[in-house]
Amino acid sequence: MEHNESTGPVPASPSPAGASVPADPAVVTARHDAIRARIDDAARAAGRDPAEIRLLPVSKTVPADAVLADWPALRDAGCLTLAENRVQEAAAKAEFFAAAAATAAAGNGAAADSPAVAPLPRWAVIGPLQTNKAGQLAAFADEFQALDRPKVAAALQRRLADGGASRTGSGSGSSGGDGDAGNLGRTLDVLIQVNTSNEPQKAGIAPSEIAAFVEQFGPDGPYPNLRLRGFMTMAMIADPSSPDGDADVRRCFADLRELRDGLAPNVPDGVTLDELSMGMSGDFELAIAEGATTVRVGRAIFGERPKP
């Protein structure tokens, strides 16, 4: 990755309208550790190794300067990746982090006495992507978890094959040295979003259409620069008045695992379906019981977001 080489002061990141009120970094770290402990407990209860499960903090609406202040402690606690719903917000934060790292490396001002910014986080985008934003995502992201249609895959492939734009962010995404795809440009880890709840208002591909889409990946398919790593889903919201609420949520997660298990033995070369990104702040323990390898947690770490 190429960092922004400016060594001038890093501007403070203004809090956008509707942004959450940032918590003290010590509070954020304590919340992270508490969630991590719950993940470990849920894994052991399911007979699983806690090390199999990644906690992915989602800093949606949290100002970049607040996330930067939280980052050293989160990294020291084992966090390698930060996630955002919107590509624009993720790109801005990646650029902000890169500028802060450049300033710290130059030993300018107070940054020299602050906790180390580097190593920088990997950046994951977990929300839907419009095709006209594919170039922006291809320029910096390391991971995209909401691939929901071939049109988006084709747009990303075109941008990645061209090498994207000048990158900001962690630089952990591949650029060259990765077989034929690397010779064409850089690669991007992707998860296909599956609509396991069959709710029309939710993004994601219908389970019945997944097998045909998976067949398009790998070095010999039309998307050689997209490295398919697995699936993502969002469960339905449990009805608190229903005695079957948790069972309905858990069924969404179980359906994704069963879909993956059925497809995994016959995927194209270069494709793995090891990742199951499922479960958020309110339901991650149910997801872990059904095989989640990544849980996406925002408000339980960074605090409640303001109501619109």
C-alpha atoms as a PDB file:
ATOM      1  CA  MET A   1       0.000   0.000   0.000  1.00  0.00           C
ATOM      2  CA  GLU A   2       1.107   3.540  -0.685  1.00  0.00           C
ATOM      3  CA  HIS A   3       0.636   5.874   2.234  1.00  0.00           C
ATOM      4  CA  ASN A   4      -0.104   9.556   1.943  1.00  0.00           C
ATOM      5  CA  GLU A   5       3.398  10.949   2.281  1.00  0.00           C
ATOM      6  CA  SER A   6       2.348  14.318   3.642  1.00  0.00           C
ATOM      7  CA  THR A   7       4.064  14.976   6.932  1.00  0.00           C
ATOM      8  CA  GLY A   8       2.025  17.982   7.894  1.00  0.00           C
ATOM      9  CA  PRO A   9      -0.387  18.012  10.847  1.00  0.00           C
ATOM     10  CA  VAL A  10      -3.289  15.603  10.568  1.00  0.00           C
ATOM     11  CA  PRO A  11      -6.529  17.583  10.676  1.00  0.00           C
ATOM     12  CA  ALA A  12      -9.094  16.701  13.280  1.00  0.00           C
ATOM     13  CA  SER A  13     -11.965  14.701  11.891  1.00  0.00           C
ATOM     14  CA  PRO A  14     -15.206  16.608  12.386  1.00  0.00           C
ATOM     15  CA  SER A  15     -18.167  14.722  13.730  1.00  0.00           C
ATOM     16  CA  PRO A  16     -20.738  14.508  10.935  1.00  0.00           C
ATOM     17  CA  ALA A  17     -24.378  15.237  11.562  1.00  0.00           C
ATOM     18  CA  GLY A  18     -25.916  12.223  13.241  1.00  0.00           C
ATOM     19  CA  ALA A  19     -22.543  10.868  14.319  1.00  0.00           C
ATOM     20  CA  SER A  20     -22.308   8.875  17.519  1.00  0.00           C
ATOM     21  CA  VAL A  21     -20.693  10.494  20.547  1.00  0.00           C
ATOM     22  CA  PRO A  22     -17.246   8.905  20.866  1.00  0.00           C
ATOM     23  CA  ALA A  23     -16.466   7.061  24.089  1.00  0.00           C
ATOM     24  CA  ASP A  24     -13.204   7.227  25.970  1.00  0.00           C
ATOM     25  CA  PRO A  25     -10.668   4.784  24.464  1.00  0.00           C
ATOM     26  CA  ALA A  26     -10.411   2.946  27.787  1.00  0.00           C
ATOM     27  CA  VAL A  27     -14.187   2.400  27.747  1.00  0.00           C
ATOM     28  CA  VAL A  28     -14.089   1.142  24.147  1.00  0.00           C
ATOM     29  CA  THR A  29     -11.270  -1.270  24.983  1.00  0.00           C
ATOM     30  CA  ALA A  30     -13.134  -2.579  28.030  1.00  0.00           C
ATOM     31  CA  ARG A  31     -16.236  -3.148  25.920  1.00  0.00           C
ATOM     32  CA  HIS A  32     -14.155  -4.943  23.287  1.00  0.00           C
ATOM     33  CA  ASP A  33     -12.626  -7.208  25.919  1.00  0.00           C
ATOM     34  CA  ALA A  34     -16.063  -7.942  27.405  1.00  0.00           C
ATOM     35  CA  ILE A  35     -17.438  -8.925  23.983  1.00  0.00           C
ATOM     36  CA  ARG A  36     -14.355 -11.046  23.332  1.00  0.00           C
ATOM     37  CA  ALA A  37     -14.950 -12.871  26.611  1.00  0.00           C
ATOM     38  CA  ARG A  38     -18.570 -13.554  25.621  1.00  0.00           C
ATOM     39  CA  ILE A  39     -17.405 -14.848  22.237  1.00  0.00           C
ATOM     40  CA  ASP A  40     -14.967 -17.199  23.945  1.00  0.00           C
ATOM     41  CA  ASP A  41     -17.671 -18.441  26.321  1.00  0.00           C
ATOM     42  CA  ALA A  42     -20.125 -19.006  23.451  1.00  0.00           C
ATOM     43  CA  ALA A  43     -17.492 -20.881  21.473  1.00  0.00           C
ATOM     44  CA  ARG A  44     -16.662 -23.190  24.354  1.00  0.00           C
ATOM     45  CA  ALA A  45     -20.374 -23.799  25.002  1.00  0.00           C
ATOM     46  CA  ALA A  46     -20.680 -24.894  21.355  1.00  0.00           C
ATOM     47  CA  GLY A  47     -17.639 -27.164  21.623  1.00  0.00           C
ATOM     48  CA  ARG A  48     -15.555 -24.853  19.431  1.00  0.00           C
ATOM     49  CA  ASP A  49     -12.102 -23.289  19.716  1.00  0.00           C
ATOM     50  CA  PRO A  50     -12.497 -19.553  20.510  1.00  0.00           C
ATOM     51  CA  ALA A  51      -9.486 -18.836  18.288  1.00  0.00           C
ATOM     52  CA  GLU A  52     -11.617 -19.817  15.268  1.00  0.00           C
ATOM     53  CA  ILE A  53     -13.815 -16.735  15.697  1.00  0.00           C
ATOM     54  CA  ARG A  54     -12.858 -13.203  14.681  1.00  0.00           C
ATOM     55  CA  LEU A  55     -14.356 -10.181  16.399  1.00  0.00           C
ATOM     56  CA  LEU A  56     -14.781  -7.471  13.745  1.00  0.00           C
ATOM     57  CA  PRO A  57     -15.415  -3.992  15.235  1.00  0.00           C
ATOM     58  CA  VAL A  58     -17.732  -1.816  13.132  1.00  0.00           C
ATOM     59  CA  SER A  59     -17.068   1.891  13.693  1.00  0.00           C
ATOM     60  CA  LYS A  60     -20.051   3.170  11.707  1.00  0.00           C
ATOM     61  CA  THR A  61     -20.677   6.904  12.378  1.00  0.00           C
ATOM     62  CA  VAL A  62     -17.808   7.123  14.905  1.00  0.00           C
ATOM     63  CA  PRO A  63     -15.544  10.062  13.950  1.00  0.00           C
ATOM     64  CA  ALA A  64     -12.182   9.097  12.472  1.00  0.00           C
ATOM     65  CA  ASP A  65     -10.163  10.820  15.183  1.00  0.00           C
ATOM     66  CA  ALA A  66     -12.028   8.860  17.874  1.00  0.00           C
ATOM     67  CA  VAL A  67     -11.439   5.551  16.059  1.00  0.00           C
ATOM     68  CA  LEU A  68      -7.767   6.473  15.657  1.00  0.00           C
ATOM     69  CA  ALA A  69      -7.518   7.072  19.407  1.00  0.00           C
ATOM     70  CA  ASP A  70      -9.095   3.663  20.034  1.00  0.00           C
ATOM     71  CA  TRP A  71      -6.950   1.813  17.502  1.00  0.00           C
ATOM     72  CA  PRO A  72      -3.679   1.141  19.411  1.00  0.00           C
ATOM     73  CA  ALA A  73      -5.491  -0.540  22.304  1.00  0.00           C
ATOM     74  CA  LEU A  74      -7.825  -2.465  19.997  1.00  0.00           C
ATOM     75  CA  ARG A  75      -4.832  -3.655  17.978  1.00  0.00           C
ATOM     76  CA  ASP A  76      -3.008  -4.697  21.131  1.00  0.00           C
ATOM     77  CA  ALA A  77      -6.115  -6.670  22.122  1.00  0.00           C
ATOM     78  CA  GLY A  78      -5.808  -8.684  18.914  1.00  0.00           C
ATOM     79  CA  CYS A  79      -7.890  -6.689  16.443  1.00  0.00           C
ATOM     80  CA  LEU A  80      -6.431  -6.623  12.916  1.00  0.00           C
ATOM     81  CA  THR A  81      -9.379  -5.293  10.896  1.00  0.00           C
ATOM     82  CA  LEU A  82     -11.895  -2.468  11.225  1.00  0.00           C
ATOM     83  CA  ALA A  83     -15.194  -2.450   9.353  1.00  0.00           C
ATOM     84  CA  GLU A  84     -17.519   0.179   7.942  1.00  0.00           C
ATOM     85  CA  ASN A  85     -20.937  -0.040   6.343  1.00  0.00           C
ATOM     86  CA  ARG A  86     -20.416   2.714   3.782  1.00  0.00           C
ATOM     87  CA  VAL A  87     -17.495   2.762   1.372  1.00  0.00           C
ATOM     88  CA  GLN A  88     -17.216   6.546   1.555  1.00  0.00           C
ATOM     89  CA  GLU A  89     -16.804   6.505   5.328  1.00  0.00           C
ATOM     90  CA  ALA A  90     -14.331   3.634   5.178  1.00  0.00           C
ATOM     91  CA  ALA A  91     -12.227   5.364   2.513  1.00  0.00           C
ATOM     92  CA  ALA A  92     -12.104   8.603   4.504  1.00  0.00           C
ATOM     93  CA  LYS A  93     -11.002   6.786   7.647  1.00  0.00           C
ATOM     94  CA  ALA A  94      -8.361   4.786   5.783  1.00  0.00           C
ATOM     95  CA  GLU A  95      -6.934   8.033   4.413  1.00  0.00           C
ATOM     96  CA  PHE A  96      -7.063   9.662   7.856  1.00  0.00           C
ATOM     97  CA  PHE A  97      -5.195   6.735   9.435  1.00  0.00           C
ATOM     98  CA  ALA A  98      -2.569   6.752   6.683  1.00  0.00           C
ATOM     99  CA  ALA A  99      -1.950  10.471   7.155  1.00  0.00           C
ATOM    100  CA  ALA A 100      -1.643  10.011  10.915  1.00  0.00           C
ATOM    101  CA  ALA A 101       0.867   7.203  10.409  1.00  0.00           C
ATOM    102  CA  ALA A 102       2.931   9.382   8.062  1.00  0.00           C
ATOM    103  CA  THR A 103       2.927  12.215  10.573  1.00  0.00           C
ATOM    104  CA  ALA A 104       3.969   9.888  13.404  1.00  0.00           C
ATOM    105  CA  ALA A 105       6.715   8.332  11.276  1.00  0.00           C
ATOM    106  CA  ALA A 106       8.125  11.785  10.593  1.00  0.00           C
ATOM    107  CA  GLY A 107       8.222  12.497  14.335  1.00  0.00           C
ATOM    108  CA  ASN A 108       6.193  15.668  13.966  1.00  0.00           C
ATOM    109  CA  GLY A 109       4.595  17.308  16.976  1.00  0.00           C
ATOM    110  CA  ALA A 110       2.562  15.480  19.595  1.00  0.00           C
ATOM    111  CA  ALA A 111       2.132  12.460  17.326  1.00  0.00           C
ATOM    112  CA  ALA A 112       5.647  11.350  18.229  1.00  0.00           C
ATOM    113  CA  ASP A 113       4.571  10.893  21.859  1.00  0.00           C
ATOM    114  CA  SER A 114       1.272   9.145  21.064  1.00  0.00           C
ATOM    115  CA  PRO A 115       0.715   5.380  20.918  1.00  0.00           C
ATOM    116  CA  ALA A 116       1.955   3.973  17.622  1.00  0.00           C
ATOM    117  CA  VAL A 117      -0.577   4.189  14.803  1.00  0.00           C
ATOM    118  CA  ALA A 118       1.201   1.518  12.769  1.00  0.00           C
ATOM    119  CA  PRO A 119       0.674  -1.284  12.017  1.00  0.00           C
ATOM    120  CA  LEU A 120      -2.462   0.102  10.414  1.00  0.00           C
ATOM    121  CA  PRO A 121      -5.726  -1.862  10.339  1.00  0.00           C
ATOM    122  CA  ARG A 122      -7.034  -3.831   7.433  1.00  0.00           C
ATOM    123  CA  TRP A 123     -10.281  -2.294   6.174  1.00  0.00           C
ATOM    124  CA  ALA A 124     -13.466  -4.249   5.527  1.00  0.00           C
ATOM    125  CA  VAL A 125     -16.604  -2.855   3.901  1.00  0.00           C
ATOM    126  CA  ILE A 126     -19.689  -4.732   5.055  1.00  0.00           C
ATOM    127  CA  GLY A 127     -22.511  -2.709   3.510  1.00  0.00           C
ATOM    128  CA  PRO A 128     -24.009  -2.694   0.013  1.00  0.00           C
ATOM    129  CA  LEU A 129     -22.021  -1.229  -2.861  1.00  0.00           C
ATOM    130  CA  GLN A 130     -23.250   0.695  -5.874  1.00  0.00           C
ATOM    131  CA  THR A 131     -21.347  -0.090  -9.054  1.00  0.00           C
ATOM    132  CA  ASN A 132     -20.278   3.544  -9.433  1.00  0.00           C
ATOM    133  CA  LYS A 133     -18.406   3.219  -6.102  1.00  0.00           C
ATOM    134  CA  ALA A 134     -16.469   0.104  -7.159  1.00  0.00           C
ATOM    135  CA  GLY A 135     -13.352   2.085  -8.005  1.00  0.00           C
ATOM    136  CA  GLN A 136     -13.364   3.770  -4.621  1.00  0.00           C
ATOM    137  CA  LEU A 137     -13.566   0.435  -2.813  1.00  0.00           C
ATOM    138  CA  ALA A 138     -10.944  -1.175  -5.062  1.00  0.00           C
ATOM    139  CA  ALA A 139      -8.490   1.593  -4.199  1.00  0.00           C
ATOM    140  CA  PHE A 140      -8.178   0.826  -0.493  1.00  0.00           C
ATOM    141  CA  ALA A 141     -10.276  -2.038   0.882  1.00  0.00           C
ATOM    142  CA  ASP A 142      -8.829  -5.374   1.961  1.00  0.00           C
ATOM    143  CA  GLU A 143     -12.162  -7.152   2.301  1.00  0.00           C
ATOM    144  CA  PHE A 144     -15.722  -6.755   0.995  1.00  0.00           C
ATOM    145  CA  GLN A 145     -18.436  -8.738   2.748  1.00  0.00           C
ATOM    146  CA  ALA A 146     -21.577  -7.659   0.898  1.00  0.00           C
ATOM    147  CA  LEU A 147     -21.119  -8.932  -2.660  1.00  0.00           C
ATOM    148  CA  ASP A 148     -24.718  -9.432  -3.700  1.00  0.00           C
ATOM    149  CA  ARG A 149     -24.888  -9.578  -7.507  1.00  0.00           C
ATOM    150  CA  PRO A 150     -22.769 -10.343 -10.566  1.00  0.00           C
ATOM    151  CA  LYS A 151     -22.948  -6.715 -11.757  1.00  0.00           C
ATOM    152  CA  VAL A 152     -21.024  -5.570  -8.681  1.00  0.00           C
ATOM    153  CA  ALA A 153     -18.514  -8.399  -9.073  1.00  0.00           C
ATOM    154  CA  ALA A 154     -17.885  -7.347 -12.677  1.00  0.00           C
ATOM    155  CA  ALA A 155     -17.421  -3.689 -11.699  1.00  0.00           C
ATOM    156  CA  LEU A 156     -14.922  -4.609  -8.980  1.00  0.00           C
ATOM    157  CA  GLN A 157     -13.069  -6.952 -11.327  1.00  0.00           C
ATOM    158  CA  ARG A 158     -12.598  -4.179 -13.900  1.00  0.00           C
ATOM    159  CA  ARG A 159     -11.221  -1.788 -11.287  1.00  0.00           C
ATOM    160  CA  LEU A 160      -8.976  -4.356  -9.627  1.00  0.00           C
ATOM    161  CA  ALA A 161      -7.547  -5.539 -12.942  1.00  0.00           C
ATOM    162  CA  ASP A 162      -6.567  -1.937 -13.627  1.00  0.00           C
ATOM    163  CA  GLY A 163      -4.763  -1.825 -10.290  1.00  0.00           C
ATOM    164  CA  GLY A 164      -7.354   0.446  -8.664  1.00  0.00           C
ATOM    165  CA  ALA A 165      -6.339   3.973  -7.747  1.00  0.00           C
ATOM    166  CA  SER A 166      -3.494   4.988  -5.444  1.00  0.00           C
ATOM    167  CA  ARG A 167      -4.200   3.078  -2.268  1.00  0.00           C
ATOM    168  CA  THR A 168      -4.652   4.350   1.221  1.00  0.00           C
ATOM    169  CA  GLY A 169      -5.232   2.194   4.284  1.00  0.00           C
ATOM    170  CA  SER A 170      -3.382  -0.806   5.591  1.00  0.00           C
ATOM    171  CA  GLY A 171      -1.716  -2.063   2.443  1.00  0.00           C
ATOM    172  CA  SER A 172      -2.407  -5.663   3.353  1.00  0.00           C
ATOM    173  CA  GLY A 173      -4.424  -6.280   0.209  1.00  0.00           C
ATOM    174  CA  SER A 174      -2.547  -8.064  -2.544  1.00  0.00           C
ATOM    175  CA  SER A 175      -0.917  -6.237  -5.425  1.00  0.00           C
ATOM    176  CA  GLY A 176       1.045  -8.530  -7.674  1.00  0.00           C
ATOM    177  CA  GLY A 177       2.697 -11.820  -6.823  1.00  0.00           C
ATOM    178  CA  ASP A 178      -0.595 -13.727  -6.646  1.00  0.00           C
ATOM    179  CA  GLY A 179      -0.612 -15.836  -9.779  1.00  0.00           C
ATOM    180  CA  ASP A 180      -2.326 -14.611 -12.926  1.00  0.00           C
ATOM    181  CA  ALA A 181      -4.672 -12.313 -11.010  1.00  0.00           C
ATOM    182  CA  GLY A 182      -1.725 -10.589  -9.348  1.00  0.00           C
ATOM    183  CA  ASN A 183      -0.153  -9.923 -12.722  1.00  0.00           C
ATOM    184  CA  LEU A 184      -3.326  -8.115 -13.774  1.00  0.00           C
ATOM    185  CA  GLY A 185      -3.590  -5.882 -10.728  1.00  0.00           C
ATOM    186  CA  ARG A 186      -4.511  -6.308  -7.088  1.00  0.00           C
ATOM    187  CA  THR A 187      -6.882  -8.764  -5.460  1.00  0.00           C
ATOM    188  CA  LEU A 188      -9.690  -8.392  -2.954  1.00  0.00           C
ATOM    189  CA  ASP A 189     -11.098 -10.876  -0.451  1.00  0.00           C
ATOM    190  CA  VAL A 190     -14.872 -11.079  -0.834  1.00  0.00           C
ATOM    191  CA  LEU A 191     -17.814 -12.752   0.863  1.00  0.00           C
ATOM    192  CA  ILE A 192     -21.111 -13.308  -0.923  1.00  0.00           C
ATOM    193  CA  GLN A 193     -24.061 -11.896   1.004  1.00  0.00           C
ATOM    194  CA  VAL A 194     -26.880 -14.416   1.235  1.00  0.00           C
ATOM    195  CA  ASN A 195     -30.447 -13.473   2.143  1.00  0.00           C
ATOM    196  CA  THR A 196     -31.160 -16.422   4.428  1.00  0.00           C
ATOM    197  CA  SER A 197     -34.173 -14.707   6.013  1.00  0.00           C
ATOM    198  CA  ASN A 198     -35.870 -14.297   2.605  1.00  0.00           C
ATOM    199  CA  GLU A 199     -36.904 -10.773   3.585  1.00  0.00           C
ATOM    200  CA  PRO A 200     -37.472  -8.644   0.458  1.00  0.00           C
ATOM    201  CA  GLN A 201     -36.124  -5.476   2.087  1.00  0.00           C
ATOM    202  CA  LYS A 202     -32.723  -7.073   2.723  1.00  0.00           C
ATOM    203  CA  ALA A 203     -29.830  -7.239   0.297  1.00  0.00           C
ATOM    204  CA  GLY A 204     -28.290 -10.553  -0.606  1.00  0.00           C
ATOM    205  CA  ILE A 205     -28.573 -13.349  -3.110  1.00  0.00           C
ATOM    206  CA  ALA A 206     -31.259 -15.993  -2.667  1.00  0.00           C
ATOM    207  CA  PRO A 207     -29.841 -19.301  -1.412  1.00  0.00           C
ATOM    208  CA  SER A 208     -31.126 -21.047  -4.540  1.00  0.00           C
ATOM    209  CA  GLU A 209     -28.900 -18.826  -6.731  1.00  0.00           C
ATOM    210  CA  ILE A 210     -25.661 -19.162  -4.776  1.00  0.00           C
ATOM    211  CA  ALA A 211     -24.237 -22.299  -6.387  1.00  0.00           C
ATOM    212  CA  ALA A 212     -24.273 -20.794  -9.887  1.00  0.00           C
ATOM    213  CA  PHE A 213     -22.623 -17.593  -8.620  1.00  0.00           C
ATOM    214  CA  VAL A 214     -19.877 -19.451  -6.745  1.00  0.00           C
ATOM    215  CA  GLU A 215     -18.974 -21.292  -9.959  1.00  0.00           C
ATOM    216  CA  GLN A 216     -17.958 -17.961 -11.519  1.00  0.00           C
ATOM    217  CA  PHE A 217     -15.021 -17.465  -9.130  1.00  0.00           C
ATOM    218  CA  GLY A 218     -11.463 -18.708  -9.261  1.00  0.00           C
ATOM    219  CA  PRO A 219      -8.573 -17.882 -11.601  1.00  0.00           C
ATOM    220  CA  ASP A 220     -10.350 -19.286 -14.656  1.00  0.00           C
ATOM    221  CA  GLY A 221     -13.622 -17.429 -14.116  1.00  0.00           C
ATOM    222  CA  PRO A 222     -14.691 -13.910 -15.031  1.00  0.00           C
ATOM    223  CA  TYR A 223     -13.599 -12.486 -11.643  1.00  0.00           C
ATOM    224  CA  PRO A 224     -10.003 -13.697 -11.120  1.00  0.00           C
ATOM    225  CA  ASN A 225      -9.090 -10.714  -8.936  1.00  0.00           C
ATOM    226  CA  LEU A 226     -11.892 -11.449  -6.447  1.00  0.00           C
ATOM    227  CA  ARG A 227     -10.850 -14.073  -3.913  1.00  0.00           C
ATOM    228  CA  LEU A 228     -14.034 -15.716  -2.685  1.00  0.00           C
ATOM    229  CA  ARG A 229     -13.584 -16.635   0.980  1.00  0.00           C
ATOM    230  CA  GLY A 230     -17.104 -17.473   2.128  1.00  0.00           C
ATOM    231  CA  PHE A 231     -20.529 -16.041   2.903  1.00  0.00           C
ATOM    232  CA  MET A 232     -22.162 -13.307   4.966  1.00  0.00           C
ATOM    233  CA  THR A 233     -25.738 -13.004   6.180  1.00  0.00           C
ATOM    234  CA  MET A 234     -27.944 -10.837   8.357  1.00  0.00           C
ATOM    235  CA  ALA A 235     -30.558 -12.726  10.350  1.00  0.00           C
ATOM    236  CA  MET A 236     -34.097 -11.564  10.836  1.00  0.00           C
ATOM    237  CA  ILE A 237     -34.816  -9.512  13.921  1.00  0.00           C
ATOM    238  CA  ALA A 238     -36.328 -11.726  16.583  1.00  0.00           C
ATOM    239  CA  ASP A 239     -39.899 -10.990  17.573  1.00  0.00           C
ATOM    240  CA  PRO A 240     -39.714 -10.457  21.357  1.00  0.00           C
ATOM    241  CA  SER A 241     -43.346 -11.519  21.691  1.00  0.00           C
ATOM    242  CA  SER A 242     -42.737 -14.841  19.962  1.00  0.00           C
ATOM    243  CA  PRO A 243     -41.510 -17.885  21.884  1.00  0.00           C
ATOM    244  CA  ASP A 244     -39.741 -18.940  18.672  1.00  0.00           C
ATOM    245  CA  GLY A 245     -37.875 -15.661  18.163  1.00  0.00           C
ATOM    246  CA  ASP A 246     -34.393 -16.963  18.898  1.00  0.00           C
ATOM    247  CA  ALA A 247     -35.077 -20.143  16.961  1.00  0.00           C
ATOM    248  CA  ASP A 248     -36.019 -18.106  13.882  1.00  0.00           C
ATOM    249  CA  VAL A 249     -32.777 -16.116  14.140  1.00  0.00           C
ATOM    250  CA  ARG A 250     -30.718 -19.229  14.674  1.00  0.00           C
ATOM    251  CA  ARG A 251     -32.334 -20.860  11.651  1.00  0.00           C
ATOM    252  CA  CYS A 252     -30.994 -18.065   9.433  1.00  0.00           C
ATOM    253  CA  PHE A 253     -27.474 -18.830  10.641  1.00  0.00           C
ATOM    254  CA  ALA A 254     -27.901 -22.590  10.373  1.00  0.00           C
ATOM    255  CA  ASP A 255     -29.155 -22.227   6.803  1.00  0.00           C
ATOM    256  CA  LEU A 256     -25.980 -20.387   5.827  1.00  0.00           C
ATOM    257  CA  ARG A 257     -23.754 -23.007   7.409  1.00  0.00           C
ATOM    258  CA  GLU A 258     -25.660 -25.831   5.720  1.00  0.00           C
ATOM    259  CA  LEU A 259     -25.463 -24.017   2.379  1.00  0.00           C
ATOM    260  CA  ARG A 260     -21.700 -23.619   2.774  1.00  0.00           C
ATOM    261  CA  ASP A 261     -21.216 -27.234   3.843  1.00  0.00           C
ATOM    262  CA  GLY A 262     -23.079 -28.458   0.798  1.00  0.00           C
ATOM    263  CA  LEU A 263     -21.057 -26.363  -1.654  1.00  0.00           C
ATOM    264  CA  ALA A 264     -17.577 -26.516  -0.098  1.00  0.00           C
ATOM    265  CA  PRO A 265     -16.466 -29.919  -1.486  1.00  0.00           C
ATOM    266  CA  ASN A 266     -16.985 -28.848  -5.105  1.00  0.00           C
ATOM    267  CA  VAL A 267     -15.853 -25.227  -5.353  1.00  0.00           C
ATOM    268  CA  PRO A 268     -13.587 -24.079  -8.203  1.00  0.00           C
ATOM    269  CA  ASP A 269      -9.823 -24.053  -7.717  1.00  0.00           C
ATOM    270  CA  GLY A 270      -8.702 -20.993  -5.761  1.00  0.00           C
ATOM    271  CA  VAL A 271     -12.014 -20.646  -3.921  1.00  0.00           C
ATOM    272  CA  THR A 272     -12.451 -21.319  -0.220  1.00  0.00           C
ATOM    273  CA  LEU A 273     -15.655 -21.079   1.781  1.00  0.00           C
ATOM    274  CA  ASP A 274     -14.039 -21.056   5.212  1.00  0.00           C
ATOM    275  CA  GLU A 275     -15.562 -17.730   6.305  1.00  0.00           C
ATOM    276  CA  LEU A 276     -19.072 -17.400   7.707  1.00  0.00           C
ATOM    277  CA  SER A 277     -19.661 -13.782   8.718  1.00  0.00           C
ATOM    278  CA  MET A 278     -22.851 -13.796  10.740  1.00  0.00           C
ATOM    279  CA  GLY A 279     -24.005 -12.348  14.005  1.00  0.00           C
ATOM    280  CA  MET A 280     -24.040  -8.780  15.308  1.00  0.00           C
ATOM    281  CA  SER A 281     -24.273  -7.090  18.703  1.00  0.00           C
ATOM    282  CA  GLY A 282     -27.675  -8.589  19.544  1.00  0.00           C
ATOM    283  CA  ASP A 283     -27.318 -12.130  18.223  1.00  0.00           C
ATOM    284  CA  PHE A 284     -23.668 -13.110  17.844  1.00  0.00           C
ATOM    285  CA  GLU A 285     -23.840 -15.858  20.456  1.00  0.00           C
ATOM    286  CA  LEU A 286     -26.562 -17.619  18.464  1.00  0.00           C
ATOM    287  CA  ALA A 287     -24.420 -17.233  15.338  1.00  0.00           C
ATOM    288  CA  ILE A 288     -21.402 -18.767  17.060  1.00  0.00           C
ATOM    289  CA  ALA A 289     -23.491 -21.773  18.045  1.00  0.00           C
ATOM    290  CA  GLU A 290     -24.213 -22.272  14.335  1.00  0.00           C
ATOM    291  CA  GLY A 291     -20.647 -21.917  13.083  1.00  0.00           C
ATOM    292  CA  ALA A 292     -19.849 -18.207  12.660  1.00  0.00           C
ATOM    293  CA  THR A 293     -16.174 -17.472  12.031  1.00  0.00           C
ATOM    294  CA  THR A 294     -16.611 -13.663  12.071  1.00  0.00           C
ATOM    295  CA  VAL A 295     -19.035 -11.634  14.175  1.00  0.00           C
ATOM    296  CA  ARG A 296     -19.636  -7.970  13.348  1.00  0.00           C
ATOM    297  CA  VAL A 297     -20.045  -5.818  16.453  1.00  0.00           C
ATOM    298  CA  GLY A 298     -20.582  -2.062  16.460  1.00  0.00           C
ATOM    299  CA  ARG A 299     -22.692  -0.474  19.172  1.00  0.00           C
ATOM    300  CA  ALA A 300     -21.662  -2.981  21.854  1.00  0.00           C
ATOM    301  CA  ILE A 301     -18.075  -1.741  21.406  1.00  0.00           C
ATOM    302  CA  PHE A 302     -18.361   1.886  20.297  1.00  0.00           C
ATOM    303  CA  GLY A 303     -21.640   2.769  21.999  1.00  0.00           C
ATOM    304  CA  GLU A 304     -25.182   3.464  20.931  1.00  0.00           C
ATOM    305  CA  ARG A 305     -25.689   5.341  17.688  1.00  0.00           C
ATOM    306  CA  PRO A 306     -28.008   8.338  17.625  1.00  0.00           C
ATOM    307  CA  LYS A 307     -31.566   7.830  16.462  1.00  0.00           C
ATOM    308  CA  PRO A 308     -32.240   9.297  12.999  1.00  0.00           C
END
